[in-house]
């Protein structure tokens, strides 16, 4: 799999990583903030190929393409927090809430 570009959610520095690193927690070289490497964007298939196979993917199917690096449950690609285990993707750790 080839390298892809993504931005640090904290300082917006453009970073590059191989697709195999998706889900790994890394430190931004610009701001030293820990973050989770996102999934590499999928290459779009040519329109004629999609029509030949009859494949129709909804926006929801494409959006649910990432997995939580902590519990491996599927998450929407725009999600920041896993609702299954409480893992915060931008912080790179599980968060908890105190109840009184």
Protein backbone atom coordinates (compact mmCIF):
# COMPACT_ATOMS: atom_id res chain seq x y z
CA UNK A 1 0.00 0.00 0.00
CA UNK A 2 1.35 3.44 -0.84
CA UNK A 3 1.80 6.46 1.41
CA UNK A 4 -1.04 8.92 1.95
CA UNK A 5 -1.26 12.41 3.42
CA UNK A 6 -3.29 13.57 6.41
CA UNK A 7 -3.23 16.56 8.75
CA UNK A 8 -2.49 16.77 12.46
CA UNK A 9 -5.81 17.56 14.20
CA UNK A 10 -3.98 19.87 16.62
CA UNK A 11 -1.64 22.01 14.45
CA UNK A 12 -2.81 21.06 10.91
CA UNK A 13 0.70 20.07 9.81
CA UNK A 14 0.50 17.82 6.75
CA UNK A 15 1.97 14.39 7.51
CA UNK A 16 2.58 11.30 5.39
CA UNK A 17 2.29 7.64 6.39
CA UNK A 18 1.97 4.23 4.75
CA UNK A 19 -1.51 2.70 4.82
CA UNK A 20 -0.29 -0.08 7.14
CA UNK A 21 0.09 2.49 9.95
CA UNK A 22 -3.66 3.23 10.08
CA UNK A 23 -4.90 3.06 13.67
CA UNK A 24 -1.44 3.45 15.22
CA UNK A 25 -0.81 6.22 17.75
CA UNK A 26 2.01 8.53 16.67
CA UNK A 27 3.46 11.86 17.81
CA UNK A 28 3.19 14.88 15.51
CA UNK A 29 6.70 16.15 14.70
CA UNK A 30 5.36 19.72 14.68
CA UNK A 31 3.48 20.01 17.99
CA UNK A 32 4.36 16.69 19.73
CA UNK A 33 0.61 15.95 20.18
CA UNK A 34 -0.24 12.25 20.10
CA UNK A 35 -2.76 11.25 17.46
CA UNK A 36 -4.08 8.17 15.72
CA UNK A 37 -3.14 7.69 12.07
CA UNK A 38 -6.42 7.68 10.09
CA UNK A 39 -7.39 5.08 7.51
CA UNK A 40 -5.95 5.68 4.06
CA UNK A 41 -8.58 6.96 1.61
CA UNK A 42 -9.77 4.27 -0.77
CA UNK A 43 -9.01 4.76 -4.44
CA UNK A 44 -12.23 5.27 -6.37
CA UNK A 45 -13.03 2.61 -8.91
CA UNK A 46 -13.79 3.77 -12.44
CA UNK A 47 -17.50 4.42 -13.02
CA UNK A 48 -17.71 1.78 -15.76
CA UNK A 49 -16.37 -0.90 -13.38
CA UNK A 50 -18.99 -0.05 -10.74
CA UNK A 51 -21.74 -0.19 -13.32
CA UNK A 52 -20.54 -3.54 -14.66
CA UNK A 53 -20.58 -5.20 -11.24
CA UNK A 54 -23.81 -3.49 -10.19
CA UNK A 55 -22.17 -2.43 -6.94
CA UNK A 56 -24.03 0.37 -5.22
CA UNK A 57 -22.45 1.64 -2.03
CA UNK A 58 -24.33 4.08 0.13
CA UNK A 59 -22.62 7.03 1.79
CA UNK A 60 -23.15 5.32 5.16
CA UNK A 61 -21.25 2.21 4.04
CA UNK A 62 -18.28 4.25 2.86
CA UNK A 63 -18.37 6.50 5.97
CA UNK A 64 -18.20 3.50 8.35
CA UNK A 65 -14.81 2.44 7.00
CA UNK A 66 -12.58 2.99 10.06
CA UNK A 67 -12.17 0.80 13.14
CA UNK A 68 -11.44 1.83 16.70
CA UNK A 69 -7.75 1.13 17.43
CA UNK A 70 -8.70 0.04 20.96
CA UNK A 71 -11.71 -2.29 20.53
CA UNK A 72 -11.77 -2.80 16.71
CA UNK A 73 -15.47 -1.82 16.44
CA UNK A 74 -16.48 0.07 13.29
CA UNK A 75 -16.79 3.84 13.60
CA UNK A 76 -17.93 6.60 11.23
CA UNK A 77 -14.86 8.11 9.56
CA UNK A 78 -15.66 11.55 11.05
CA UNK A 79 -15.93 10.17 14.61
CA UNK A 80 -13.59 11.38 17.33
CA UNK A 81 -14.81 9.14 20.15
CA UNK A 82 -15.63 5.41 20.08
CA UNK A 83 -19.07 4.96 21.64
CA UNK A 84 -18.28 1.32 22.43
CA UNK A 85 -15.16 1.72 24.58
CA UNK A 86 -14.59 5.47 25.08
CA UNK A 87 -11.36 5.69 23.06
CA UNK A 88 -10.65 9.29 21.94
CA UNK A 89 -8.92 9.25 18.55
CA UNK A 90 -7.38 12.73 18.80
CA UNK A 91 -6.06 12.20 22.33
CA UNK A 92 -4.91 8.68 21.53
CA UNK A 93 -6.29 7.23 24.76
CA UNK A 94 -9.45 5.99 26.44
CA UNK A 95 -11.34 8.63 28.37
CA UNK A 96 -13.59 8.21 31.39
CA UNK A 97 -16.24 10.29 33.09
CA UNK A 98 -16.67 10.61 36.84
CA UNK A 99 -20.23 10.21 38.12
CA UNK A 100 -21.35 11.77 41.40
